[in-house]
Amino acid sequence: MYIKLNNGVPETYTIGQLRKDNPNTSFPKQIPPATLEAYGMFPVFDTPKPTTGELQTAVKDGYELDAKGNWVVKWRVQDMFSDQVDENGTVIKTKAEQEAAYLAERHEQKVIEYTNAVQNHLDSTARDKGYDSIMSLCTYATSTNSKFAAEGQAGVAWRDAVWTDCYTILANVESGVRTAPTVEELIAELPQIVWPT
């Protein structure tokens, strides 16, 4: 990415625009930096997005010179939402309403992500023991085969404990008691199955 200084103001500019704006100039395929600078054109280096809050976003806000004299992307952190108004200036939807809807949707997505991960964890653990799924394992709780019955009962107890803890964690996240764990952290917090010996 390049910029060109237009009366001292940096604006996005490309090699293609340089060639188009100078049709009578024969530029080499690879234009040397010194030539570009002679035409007021400078490379722009990307910079990492700044950290934002949950209801904020980072947007590119032009370019600036860094401490080394290089042109870099400048970022601005702003709120994701603001009051929506119609052509008469009447508020259609407040910032608070939009934020609440966004947070509710994020929470719903997080619940789906967590519950899918927990279900997969339950099923894969049961499969490791030779059962098709956690449901299959639990159906053996009343088996007439004592080994299968013991494993099925262990599966039922473990499944119930896992879901109880999972929903407690979700409730604590929703109420703000704790921050949301990653899926890996959530699985690591859940009880482990104790197979009968």
N, C-alpha and C. Protein backbone atom coordinates (compact mmCIF):
# COMPACT_ATOMS: atom_id res chain seq x y z
N MET A 1 0.84 -1.18 0.00
CA MET A 1 0.00 0.00 0.00
C MET A 1 0.89 1.24 0.00
N TYR A 2 0.46 2.24 -0.75
CA TYR A 2 1.21 3.49 -0.83
C TYR A 2 0.28 4.67 -0.55
N ILE A 3 0.92 5.77 -0.16
CA ILE A 3 0.20 7.04 -0.06
C ILE A 3 0.94 8.07 -0.90
N LYS A 4 0.21 9.11 -1.27
CA LYS A 4 0.83 10.24 -1.96
C LYS A 4 0.47 11.48 -1.16
N LEU A 5 1.45 12.33 -0.96
CA LEU A 5 1.19 13.57 -0.24
C LEU A 5 0.57 14.58 -1.19
N ASN A 6 -0.64 15.00 -0.84
CA ASN A 6 -1.35 16.00 -1.62
C ASN A 6 -1.46 17.25 -0.75
N ASN A 7 -0.61 18.23 -1.03
CA ASN A 7 -0.50 19.43 -0.18
C ASN A 7 -0.22 19.05 1.27
N GLY A 8 0.64 18.03 1.42
CA GLY A 8 1.04 17.59 2.76
C GLY A 8 0.09 16.61 3.40
N VAL A 9 -1.06 16.34 2.74
CA VAL A 9 -2.05 15.40 3.30
C VAL A 9 -1.88 14.04 2.64
N PRO A 10 -1.65 12.97 3.43
CA PRO A 10 -1.47 11.64 2.83
C PRO A 10 -2.79 11.06 2.33
N GLU A 11 -2.78 10.58 1.09
CA GLU A 11 -3.96 9.95 0.50
C GLU A 11 -3.54 8.63 -0.13
N THR A 12 -4.43 7.64 -0.10
CA THR A 12 -4.13 6.34 -0.70
C THR A 12 -3.83 6.52 -2.19
N TYR A 13 -2.76 5.84 -2.62
CA TYR A 13 -2.32 6.00 -4.01
C TYR A 13 -1.68 4.69 -4.44
N THR A 14 -1.85 4.32 -5.72
CA THR A 14 -1.32 3.05 -6.22
C THR A 14 -0.31 3.29 -7.34
N ILE A 15 0.46 2.25 -7.61
CA ILE A 15 1.41 2.30 -8.73
C ILE A 15 0.64 2.52 -10.03
N GLY A 16 -0.51 1.87 -10.16
CA GLY A 16 -1.34 2.04 -11.36
C GLY A 16 -1.77 3.49 -11.54
N GLN A 17 -2.13 4.16 -10.43
CA GLN A 17 -2.51 5.57 -10.54
C GLN A 17 -1.32 6.43 -10.95
N LEU A 18 -0.15 6.09 -10.41
CA LEU A 18 1.06 6.84 -10.77
C LEU A 18 1.31 6.75 -12.27
N ARG A 19 1.21 5.54 -12.83
CA ARG A 19 1.43 5.37 -14.28
C ARG A 19 0.37 6.12 -15.08
N LYS A 20 -0.88 6.06 -14.61
CA LYS A 20 -1.98 6.72 -15.33
C LYS A 20 -1.83 8.23 -15.29
N ASP A 21 -1.38 8.74 -14.13
CA ASP A 21 -1.24 10.19 -13.99
C ASP A 21 -0.02 10.74 -14.72
N ASN A 22 0.87 9.83 -15.12
CA ASN A 22 2.09 10.24 -15.82
C ASN A 22 2.25 9.41 -17.10
N PRO A 23 1.33 9.59 -18.06
CA PRO A 23 1.33 8.73 -19.25
C PRO A 23 2.57 8.89 -20.14
N ASN A 24 3.25 10.00 -20.03
CA ASN A 24 4.42 10.23 -20.88
C ASN A 24 5.73 9.82 -20.22
N THR A 25 5.62 9.22 -19.03
CA THR A 25 6.82 8.77 -18.31
C THR A 25 6.93 7.27 -18.42
N SER A 26 8.10 6.78 -18.77
CA SER A 26 8.33 5.34 -18.87
C SER A 26 8.95 4.85 -17.56
N PHE A 27 8.10 4.25 -16.72
CA PHE A 27 8.58 3.71 -15.45
C PHE A 27 9.04 2.27 -15.64
N PRO A 28 10.08 1.84 -14.93
CA PRO A 28 10.47 0.42 -14.98
C PRO A 28 9.40 -0.44 -14.30
N LYS A 29 9.48 -1.75 -14.56
CA LYS A 29 8.49 -2.66 -13.96
C LYS A 29 8.52 -2.55 -12.44
N GLN A 30 9.71 -2.56 -11.86
CA GLN A 30 9.88 -2.36 -10.42
C GLN A 30 10.40 -0.94 -10.22
N ILE A 31 9.54 -0.07 -9.73
CA ILE A 31 9.94 1.33 -9.58
C ILE A 31 10.75 1.49 -8.29
N PRO A 32 11.95 2.04 -8.36
CA PRO A 32 12.78 2.21 -7.16
C PRO A 32 12.12 3.17 -6.16
N PRO A 33 12.34 2.93 -4.87
CA PRO A 33 11.76 3.80 -3.84
C PRO A 33 12.11 5.28 -4.03
N ALA A 34 13.34 5.55 -4.46
CA ALA A 34 13.74 6.94 -4.65
C ALA A 34 12.89 7.62 -5.72
N THR A 35 12.54 6.87 -6.78
CA THR A 35 11.69 7.43 -7.84
C THR A 35 10.29 7.70 -7.30
N LEU A 36 9.78 6.75 -6.54
CA LEU A 36 8.45 6.94 -5.95
C LEU A 36 8.43 8.18 -5.05
N GLU A 37 9.47 8.31 -4.23
CA GLU A 37 9.54 9.46 -3.34
C GLU A 37 9.60 10.77 -4.13
N ALA A 38 10.28 10.73 -5.27
CA ALA A 38 10.37 11.93 -6.11
C ALA A 38 9.00 12.37 -6.60
N TYR A 39 8.09 11.42 -6.72
CA TYR A 39 6.71 11.72 -7.12
C TYR A 39 5.79 11.89 -5.89
N GLY A 40 6.41 12.01 -4.72
CA GLY A 40 5.64 12.23 -3.49
C GLY A 40 4.90 11.01 -3.01
N MET A 41 5.41 9.83 -3.39
CA MET A 41 4.72 8.57 -3.09
C MET A 41 5.56 7.77 -2.09
N PHE A 42 4.89 7.27 -1.03
CA PHE A 42 5.61 6.56 0.03
C PHE A 42 4.87 5.28 0.42
N PRO A 43 5.62 4.24 0.78
CA PRO A 43 4.97 3.01 1.25
C PRO A 43 4.32 3.22 2.61
N VAL A 44 3.25 2.47 2.84
CA VAL A 44 2.55 2.51 4.13
C VAL A 44 2.68 1.15 4.78
N PHE A 45 3.06 1.14 6.05
CA PHE A 45 3.21 -0.11 6.79
C PHE A 45 1.99 -0.30 7.69
N ASP A 46 1.52 -1.54 7.70
CA ASP A 46 0.34 -1.85 8.52
C ASP A 46 0.75 -1.85 9.99
N THR A 47 -0.19 -1.55 10.84
CA THR A 47 0.02 -1.60 12.28
C THR A 47 -1.09 -2.47 12.88
N PRO A 48 -0.82 -3.12 14.00
CA PRO A 48 -1.85 -3.99 14.58
C PRO A 48 -3.05 -3.18 15.07
N LYS A 49 -4.21 -3.81 14.98
CA LYS A 49 -5.42 -3.17 15.49
C LYS A 49 -5.29 -2.98 17.00
N PRO A 50 -5.73 -1.84 17.51
CA PRO A 50 -5.68 -1.66 18.96
C PRO A 50 -6.72 -2.54 19.65
N THR A 51 -6.47 -2.82 20.91
CA THR A 51 -7.42 -3.60 21.71
C THR A 51 -8.67 -2.76 21.93
N THR A 52 -9.83 -3.42 21.81
CA THR A 52 -11.10 -2.71 21.99
C THR A 52 -11.94 -3.42 23.03
N GLY A 53 -12.89 -2.70 23.57
CA GLY A 53 -13.87 -3.29 24.47
C GLY A 53 -14.90 -4.07 23.68
N GLU A 54 -15.77 -4.77 24.40
CA GLU A 54 -16.75 -5.62 23.72
C GLU A 54 -17.70 -4.83 22.83
N LEU A 55 -17.98 -3.59 23.20
CA LEU A 55 -18.92 -2.78 22.43
C LEU A 55 -18.21 -1.67 21.66
N GLN A 56 -16.94 -1.92 21.34
CA GLN A 56 -16.16 -0.96 20.56
C GLN A 56 -15.62 -1.65 19.31
N THR A 57 -15.18 -0.83 18.38
CA THR A 57 -14.54 -1.34 17.17
C THR A 57 -13.39 -0.41 16.81
N ALA A 58 -12.41 -0.96 16.11
CA ALA A 58 -11.28 -0.15 15.65
C ALA A 58 -11.42 0.06 14.15
N VAL A 59 -11.33 1.30 13.72
CA VAL A 59 -11.45 1.62 12.30
C VAL A 59 -10.20 2.35 11.84
N LYS A 60 -9.82 2.11 10.59
CA LYS A 60 -8.67 2.81 10.03
C LYS A 60 -9.02 4.29 9.87
N ASP A 61 -8.09 5.13 10.30
CA ASP A 61 -8.36 6.57 10.34
C ASP A 61 -7.22 7.35 9.70
N GLY A 62 -6.86 6.94 8.50
CA GLY A 62 -5.82 7.65 7.77
C GLY A 62 -4.44 7.10 8.06
N TYR A 63 -3.45 7.96 7.92
CA TYR A 63 -2.06 7.55 8.04
C TYR A 63 -1.31 8.58 8.87
N GLU A 64 -0.20 8.13 9.46
CA GLU A 64 0.63 9.03 10.23
C GLU A 64 2.07 8.55 10.19
N LEU A 65 2.99 9.45 10.52
CA LEU A 65 4.40 9.09 10.59
C LEU A 65 4.71 8.52 11.96
N ASP A 66 5.42 7.39 11.97
CA ASP A 66 5.82 6.82 13.25
C ASP A 66 7.15 7.43 13.70
N ALA A 67 7.68 6.93 14.83
CA ALA A 67 8.91 7.49 15.39
C ALA A 67 10.11 7.31 14.46
N LYS A 68 10.04 6.32 13.56
CA LYS A 68 11.15 6.07 12.64
C LYS A 68 11.01 6.83 11.32
N GLY A 69 9.94 7.62 11.20
CA GLY A 69 9.73 8.38 9.97
C GLY A 69 9.04 7.60 8.87
N ASN A 70 8.45 6.43 9.22
CA ASN A 70 7.69 5.63 8.24
C ASN A 70 6.22 5.99 8.32
N TRP A 71 5.57 5.93 7.17
CA TRP A 71 4.12 6.13 7.16
C TRP A 71 3.46 4.82 7.59
N VAL A 72 2.53 4.93 8.53
CA VAL A 72 1.83 3.75 9.06
C VAL A 72 0.33 4.03 9.11
N VAL A 73 -0.45 2.94 9.17
CA VAL A 73 -1.90 3.06 9.29
C VAL A 73 -2.23 3.58 10.68
N LYS A 74 -3.12 4.55 10.73
CA LYS A 74 -3.58 5.11 12.01
C LYS A 74 -4.95 4.51 12.32
N TRP A 75 -5.17 4.14 13.58
CA TRP A 75 -6.43 3.54 14.00
C TRP A 75 -7.18 4.46 14.96
N ARG A 76 -8.49 4.33 14.94
CA ARG A 76 -9.33 5.06 15.89
C ARG A 76 -10.30 4.06 16.52
N VAL A 77 -10.38 4.07 17.84
CA VAL A 77 -11.32 3.20 18.56
C VAL A 77 -12.61 3.99 18.77
N GLN A 78 -13.73 3.38 18.40
CA GLN A 78 -15.01 4.06 18.56
C GLN A 78 -16.07 3.08 19.03
N ASP A 79 -17.16 3.60 19.55
CA ASP A 79 -18.28 2.76 19.95
C ASP A 79 -18.89 2.10 18.72
N MET A 80 -19.34 0.86 18.88
CA MET A 80 -19.95 0.15 17.76
C MET A 80 -21.29 0.75 17.37
N PHE A 81 -21.99 1.30 18.35
CA PHE A 81 -23.35 1.78 18.09
C PHE A 81 -23.51 3.23 18.51
N SER A 82 -24.45 3.89 17.86
CA SER A 82 -24.90 5.22 18.27
C SER A 82 -26.39 5.28 17.98
N ASP A 83 -27.05 6.27 18.54
CA ASP A 83 -28.50 6.39 18.30
C ASP A 83 -28.78 6.46 16.80
N GLN A 84 -29.76 5.67 16.36
CA GLN A 84 -30.21 5.73 14.97
C GLN A 84 -31.34 6.74 14.88
N VAL A 85 -31.20 7.69 13.98
CA VAL A 85 -32.22 8.73 13.85
C VAL A 85 -32.75 8.76 12.42
N ASP A 86 -34.00 9.18 12.27
CA ASP A 86 -34.57 9.31 10.93
C ASP A 86 -34.25 10.69 10.37
N GLU A 87 -34.81 10.99 9.20
CA GLU A 87 -34.49 12.26 8.53
C GLU A 87 -34.96 13.48 9.32
N ASN A 88 -35.89 13.27 10.27
CA ASN A 88 -36.39 14.38 11.09
C ASN A 88 -35.62 14.53 12.39
N GLY A 89 -34.64 13.65 12.58
CA GLY A 89 -33.87 13.71 13.82
C GLY A 89 -34.49 12.95 14.97
N THR A 90 -35.56 12.21 14.70
CA THR A 90 -36.21 11.43 15.74
C THR A 90 -35.44 10.12 15.94
N VAL A 91 -35.18 9.78 17.19
CA VAL A 91 -34.44 8.55 17.48
C VAL A 91 -35.33 7.34 17.19
N ILE A 92 -34.86 6.49 16.28
CA ILE A 92 -35.58 5.27 15.92
C ILE A 92 -35.19 4.14 16.87
N LYS A 93 -33.89 4.03 17.10
CA LYS A 93 -33.38 2.99 17.99
C LYS A 93 -32.21 3.58 18.76
N THR A 94 -32.28 3.48 20.08
CA THR A 94 -31.23 4.06 20.89
C THR A 94 -29.97 3.20 20.87
N LYS A 95 -28.88 3.83 21.23
CA LYS A 95 -27.61 3.13 21.35
C LYS A 95 -27.76 1.98 22.35
N ALA A 96 -28.42 2.23 23.47
CA ALA A 96 -28.59 1.20 24.51
C ALA A 96 -29.39 0.01 23.99
N GLU A 97 -30.42 0.26 23.20
CA GLU A 97 -31.23 -0.82 22.63
C GLU A 97 -30.40 -1.68 21.68
N GLN A 98 -29.59 -1.04 20.86
CA GLN A 98 -28.74 -1.77 19.92
C GLN A 98 -27.69 -2.60 20.65
N GLU A 99 -27.12 -2.01 21.70
CA GLU A 99 -26.11 -2.74 22.48
C GLU A 99 -26.73 -3.95 23.16
N ALA A 100 -27.93 -3.78 23.71
CA ALA A 100 -28.61 -4.90 24.40
C ALA A 100 -28.92 -6.03 23.41
N ALA A 101 -29.37 -5.68 22.21
CA ALA A 101 -29.68 -6.69 21.20
C ALA A 101 -28.41 -7.41 20.76
N TYR A 102 -27.34 -6.65 20.60
CA TYR A 102 -26.06 -7.23 20.19
C TYR A 102 -25.54 -8.19 21.25
N LEU A 103 -25.58 -7.77 22.51
CA LEU A 103 -25.09 -8.62 23.60
C LEU A 103 -25.94 -9.88 23.75
N ALA A 104 -27.26 -9.75 23.56
CA ALA A 104 -28.14 -10.92 23.64
C ALA A 104 -27.81 -11.92 22.53
N GLU A 105 -27.55 -11.41 21.33
CA GLU A 105 -27.20 -12.29 20.21
C GLU A 105 -25.85 -12.95 20.45
N ARG A 106 -24.88 -12.18 20.96
CA ARG A 106 -23.57 -12.74 21.28
C ARG A 106 -23.68 -13.84 22.33
N HIS A 107 -24.53 -13.59 23.33
CA HIS A 107 -24.71 -14.59 24.40
C HIS A 107 -25.33 -15.86 23.82
N GLU A 108 -26.32 -15.70 22.96
CA GLU A 108 -26.98 -16.86 22.34
C GLU A 108 -25.97 -17.67 21.51
N GLN A 109 -25.12 -16.97 20.76
CA GLN A 109 -24.10 -17.65 19.96
C GLN A 109 -23.10 -18.38 20.86
N LYS A 110 -22.75 -17.74 21.99
CA LYS A 110 -21.80 -18.35 22.92
C LYS A 110 -22.41 -19.60 23.55
N VAL A 111 -23.70 -19.54 23.89
CA VAL A 111 -24.37 -20.71 24.47
C VAL A 111 -24.36 -21.87 23.47
N ILE A 112 -24.65 -21.58 22.21
CA ILE A 112 -24.64 -22.62 21.18
C ILE A 112 -23.24 -23.20 21.02
N GLU A 113 -22.23 -22.32 20.99
CA GLU A 113 -20.84 -22.77 20.85
C GLU A 113 -20.44 -23.66 22.03
N TYR A 114 -20.78 -23.24 23.25
CA TYR A 114 -20.44 -24.02 24.44
C TYR A 114 -21.16 -25.36 24.46
N THR A 115 -22.47 -25.33 24.23
CA THR A 115 -23.24 -26.58 24.33
C THR A 115 -22.84 -27.58 23.25
N ASN A 116 -22.53 -27.09 22.06
CA ASN A 116 -22.05 -28.00 21.01
C ASN A 116 -20.71 -28.62 21.42
N ALA A 117 -19.83 -27.81 21.99
CA ALA A 117 -18.52 -28.32 22.41
C ALA A 117 -18.67 -29.34 23.53
N VAL A 118 -19.55 -29.05 24.48
CA VAL A 118 -19.76 -29.98 25.60
C VAL A 118 -20.36 -31.29 25.09
N GLN A 119 -21.33 -31.20 24.19
CA GLN A 119 -21.94 -32.41 23.64
C GLN A 119 -20.89 -33.25 22.90
N ASN A 120 -20.05 -32.59 22.13
CA ASN A 120 -18.98 -33.31 21.42
C ASN A 120 -18.01 -33.97 22.39
N HIS A 121 -17.72 -33.27 23.49
CA HIS A 121 -16.84 -33.81 24.53
C HIS A 121 -17.45 -35.06 25.16
N LEU A 122 -18.73 -34.99 25.48
CA LEU A 122 -19.44 -36.15 26.05
C LEU A 122 -19.41 -37.33 25.08
N ASP A 123 -19.75 -37.05 23.83
CA ASP A 123 -19.83 -38.13 22.83
C ASP A 123 -18.45 -38.74 22.56
N SER A 124 -17.42 -37.90 22.44
CA SER A 124 -16.10 -38.44 22.12
C SER A 124 -15.54 -39.26 23.28
N THR A 125 -15.85 -38.85 24.51
CA THR A 125 -15.41 -39.62 25.68
C THR A 125 -16.09 -40.99 25.70
N ALA A 126 -17.38 -41.02 25.38
CA ALA A 126 -18.10 -42.29 25.32
C ALA A 126 -17.54 -43.17 24.19
N ARG A 127 -17.23 -42.55 23.06
CA ARG A 127 -16.69 -43.32 21.93
C ARG A 127 -15.32 -43.91 22.28
N ASP A 128 -14.55 -43.18 23.07
CA ASP A 128 -13.24 -43.70 23.49
C ASP A 128 -13.38 -45.00 24.28
N LYS A 129 -14.55 -45.19 24.89
CA LYS A 129 -14.80 -46.40 25.68
C LYS A 129 -15.51 -47.47 24.85
N GLY A 130 -15.79 -47.16 23.57
CA GLY A 130 -16.41 -48.15 22.69
C GLY A 130 -17.89 -47.97 22.46
N TYR A 131 -18.48 -46.89 22.99
CA TYR A 131 -19.91 -46.63 22.78
C TYR A 131 -20.09 -45.63 21.64
N ASP A 132 -21.26 -45.66 21.02
CA ASP A 132 -21.52 -44.78 19.87
C ASP A 132 -21.57 -43.30 20.26
N SER A 133 -22.09 -43.02 21.45
CA SER A 133 -22.29 -41.64 21.91
C SER A 133 -22.59 -41.67 23.40
N ILE A 134 -22.72 -40.52 24.01
CA ILE A 134 -23.08 -40.47 25.43
C ILE A 134 -24.47 -41.04 25.64
N MET A 135 -25.36 -40.80 24.67
CA MET A 135 -26.71 -41.35 24.80
C MET A 135 -26.66 -42.88 24.78
N SER A 136 -25.87 -43.40 23.88
CA SER A 136 -25.73 -44.86 23.81
C SER A 136 -25.18 -45.41 25.12
N LEU A 137 -24.14 -44.75 25.65
CA LEU A 137 -23.56 -45.18 26.91
C LEU A 137 -24.60 -45.19 28.02
N CYS A 138 -25.37 -44.12 28.12
CA CYS A 138 -26.34 -44.00 29.22
C CYS A 138 -27.46 -45.04 29.14
N THR A 139 -27.78 -45.51 27.95
CA THR A 139 -28.85 -46.51 27.84
C THR A 139 -28.45 -47.84 28.49
N TYR A 140 -27.16 -48.04 28.73
CA TYR A 140 -26.70 -49.28 29.34
C TYR A 140 -26.79 -49.25 30.87
N ALA A 141 -27.28 -48.15 31.43
CA ALA A 141 -27.38 -48.05 32.90
C ALA A 141 -28.27 -49.13 33.49
N THR A 142 -29.23 -49.64 32.73
CA THR A 142 -30.14 -50.69 33.23
C THR A 142 -29.86 -52.04 32.58
N SER A 143 -28.65 -52.15 32.00
CA SER A 143 -28.30 -53.40 31.33
C SER A 143 -28.23 -54.56 32.33
N THR A 144 -28.55 -55.77 31.85
CA THR A 144 -28.43 -56.96 32.70
C THR A 144 -26.98 -57.43 32.78
N ASN A 145 -26.13 -56.87 31.93
CA ASN A 145 -24.69 -57.15 31.99
C ASN A 145 -24.09 -56.19 33.02
N SER A 146 -23.50 -56.70 34.07
CA SER A 146 -23.04 -55.86 35.18
C SER A 146 -21.97 -54.85 34.75
N LYS A 147 -21.07 -55.26 33.84
CA LYS A 147 -20.03 -54.34 33.37
C LYS A 147 -20.65 -53.18 32.61
N PHE A 148 -21.54 -53.50 31.68
CA PHE A 148 -22.19 -52.44 30.90
C PHE A 148 -23.05 -51.55 31.79
N ALA A 149 -23.74 -52.16 32.75
CA ALA A 149 -24.60 -51.39 33.66
C ALA A 149 -23.78 -50.40 34.47
N ALA A 150 -22.63 -50.84 34.98
CA ALA A 150 -21.78 -49.96 35.79
C ALA A 150 -21.24 -48.81 34.94
N GLU A 151 -20.83 -49.11 33.70
CA GLU A 151 -20.33 -48.05 32.83
C GLU A 151 -21.46 -47.09 32.44
N GLY A 152 -22.64 -47.64 32.19
CA GLY A 152 -23.80 -46.80 31.85
C GLY A 152 -24.17 -45.87 33.00
N GLN A 153 -24.15 -46.39 34.23
CA GLN A 153 -24.47 -45.57 35.40
C GLN A 153 -23.40 -44.49 35.62
N ALA A 154 -22.13 -44.83 35.36
CA ALA A 154 -21.06 -43.83 35.45
C ALA A 154 -21.28 -42.74 34.40
N GLY A 155 -21.74 -43.16 33.21
CA GLY A 155 -22.01 -42.20 32.15
C GLY A 155 -23.14 -41.25 32.51
N VAL A 156 -24.21 -41.80 33.11
CA VAL A 156 -25.36 -40.96 33.51
C VAL A 156 -24.92 -39.94 34.55
N ALA A 157 -24.19 -40.41 35.57
CA ALA A 157 -23.75 -39.51 36.65
C ALA A 157 -22.82 -38.42 36.09
N TRP A 158 -21.92 -38.83 35.20
CA TRP A 158 -20.98 -37.87 34.63
C TRP A 158 -21.68 -36.86 33.74
N ARG A 159 -22.58 -37.36 32.88
CA ARG A 159 -23.33 -36.46 31.98
C ARG A 159 -24.07 -35.40 32.78
N ASP A 160 -24.76 -35.82 33.86
CA ASP A 160 -25.52 -34.88 34.67
C ASP A 160 -24.61 -33.85 35.34
N ALA A 161 -23.47 -34.32 35.84
CA ALA A 161 -22.53 -33.40 36.50
C ALA A 161 -21.95 -32.40 35.51
N VAL A 162 -21.64 -32.87 34.31
CA VAL A 162 -21.07 -32.00 33.28
C VAL A 162 -22.06 -30.90 32.90
N TRP A 163 -23.30 -31.28 32.62
CA TRP A 163 -24.27 -30.27 32.21
C TRP A 163 -24.61 -29.32 33.35
N THR A 164 -24.65 -29.81 34.58
CA THR A 164 -24.90 -28.94 35.72
C THR A 164 -23.82 -27.88 35.82
N ASP A 165 -22.56 -28.30 35.73
CA ASP A 165 -21.45 -27.34 35.80
C ASP A 165 -21.45 -26.40 34.62
N CYS A 166 -21.73 -26.92 33.43
CA CYS A 166 -21.75 -26.10 32.22
C CYS A 166 -22.76 -24.97 32.37
N TYR A 167 -23.98 -25.28 32.80
CA TYR A 167 -25.01 -24.25 32.91
C TYR A 167 -24.75 -23.29 34.07
N THR A 168 -24.06 -23.75 35.10
CA THR A 168 -23.65 -22.85 36.18
C THR A 168 -22.64 -21.83 35.65
N ILE A 169 -21.68 -22.31 34.87
CA ILE A 169 -20.68 -21.41 34.27
C ILE A 169 -21.37 -20.40 33.35
N LEU A 170 -22.29 -20.87 32.52
CA LEU A 170 -23.01 -19.97 31.61
C LEU A 170 -23.79 -18.91 32.39
N ALA A 171 -24.44 -19.31 33.48
CA ALA A 171 -25.21 -18.36 34.29
C ALA A 171 -24.28 -17.32 34.91
N ASN A 172 -23.10 -17.76 35.37
CA ASN A 172 -22.15 -16.83 35.97
C ASN A 172 -21.59 -15.85 34.95
N VAL A 173 -21.40 -16.32 33.72
CA VAL A 173 -20.93 -15.43 32.65
C VAL A 173 -22.01 -14.40 32.34
N GLU A 174 -23.25 -14.86 32.21
CA GLU A 174 -24.36 -13.96 31.85
C GLU A 174 -24.59 -12.90 32.93
N SER A 175 -24.42 -13.29 34.20
CA SER A 175 -24.66 -12.34 35.29
C SER A 175 -23.46 -11.44 35.57
N GLY A 176 -22.34 -11.71 34.88
CA GLY A 176 -21.16 -10.88 35.07
C GLY A 176 -20.29 -11.30 36.23
N VAL A 177 -20.58 -12.44 36.84
CA VAL A 177 -19.78 -12.93 37.97
C VAL A 177 -18.37 -13.29 37.50
N ARG A 178 -18.27 -13.75 36.26
CA ARG A 178 -16.97 -14.14 35.71
C ARG A 178 -16.92 -13.81 34.23
N THR A 179 -15.72 -13.82 33.68
CA THR A 179 -15.57 -13.61 32.24
C THR A 179 -15.83 -14.92 31.51
N ALA A 180 -16.15 -14.82 30.25
CA ALA A 180 -16.44 -16.01 29.45
C ALA A 180 -15.15 -16.77 29.17
N PRO A 181 -15.12 -18.07 29.49
CA PRO A 181 -13.93 -18.86 29.17
C PRO A 181 -13.91 -19.21 27.69
N THR A 182 -12.74 -19.59 27.19
CA THR A 182 -12.68 -20.16 25.86
C THR A 182 -13.33 -21.54 25.92
N VAL A 183 -13.60 -22.12 24.76
CA VAL A 183 -14.17 -23.47 24.73
C VAL A 183 -13.22 -24.45 25.41
N GLU A 184 -11.93 -24.30 25.14
CA GLU A 184 -10.94 -25.20 25.75
C GLU A 184 -10.92 -25.06 27.26
N GLU A 185 -11.02 -23.81 27.74
CA GLU A 185 -11.05 -23.58 29.20
C GLU A 185 -12.31 -24.16 29.82
N LEU A 186 -13.43 -24.02 29.11
CA LEU A 186 -14.69 -24.57 29.61
C LEU A 186 -14.59 -26.08 29.77
N ILE A 187 -14.12 -26.76 28.75
CA ILE A 187 -14.01 -28.23 28.80
C ILE A 187 -13.07 -28.65 29.92
N ALA A 188 -11.99 -27.90 30.11
CA ALA A 188 -11.02 -28.25 31.15
C ALA A 188 -11.61 -28.09 32.55
N GLU A 189 -12.60 -27.20 32.70
CA GLU A 189 -13.22 -26.98 34.01
C GLU A 189 -14.25 -28.05 34.37
N LEU A 190 -14.72 -28.77 33.39
CA LEU A 190 -15.81 -29.72 33.64
C LEU A 190 -15.28 -30.98 34.33
N PRO A 191 -16.18 -31.67 35.09
CA PRO A 191 -15.75 -32.90 35.77
C PRO A 191 -15.31 -33.96 34.77
N GLN A 192 -14.40 -34.80 35.20
CA GLN A 192 -13.96 -35.91 34.37
C GLN A 192 -14.72 -37.17 34.78
N ILE A 193 -14.94 -38.03 33.80
CA ILE A 193 -15.67 -39.27 34.09
C ILE A 193 -14.80 -40.22 34.94
N VAL A 194 -15.44 -40.88 35.86
CA VAL A 194 -14.77 -41.89 36.68
C VAL A 194 -15.34 -43.25 36.26
N TRP A 195 -14.57 -43.99 35.48
CA TRP A 195 -15.03 -45.29 35.01
C TRP A 195 -14.94 -46.31 36.15
N PRO A 196 -15.90 -47.22 36.22
CA PRO A 196 -15.84 -48.27 37.24
C PRO A 196 -14.64 -49.20 37.03
N THR A 197 -14.08 -49.67 38.11
CA THR A 197 -12.93 -50.58 37.99
C THR A 197 -13.38 -52.04 38.10
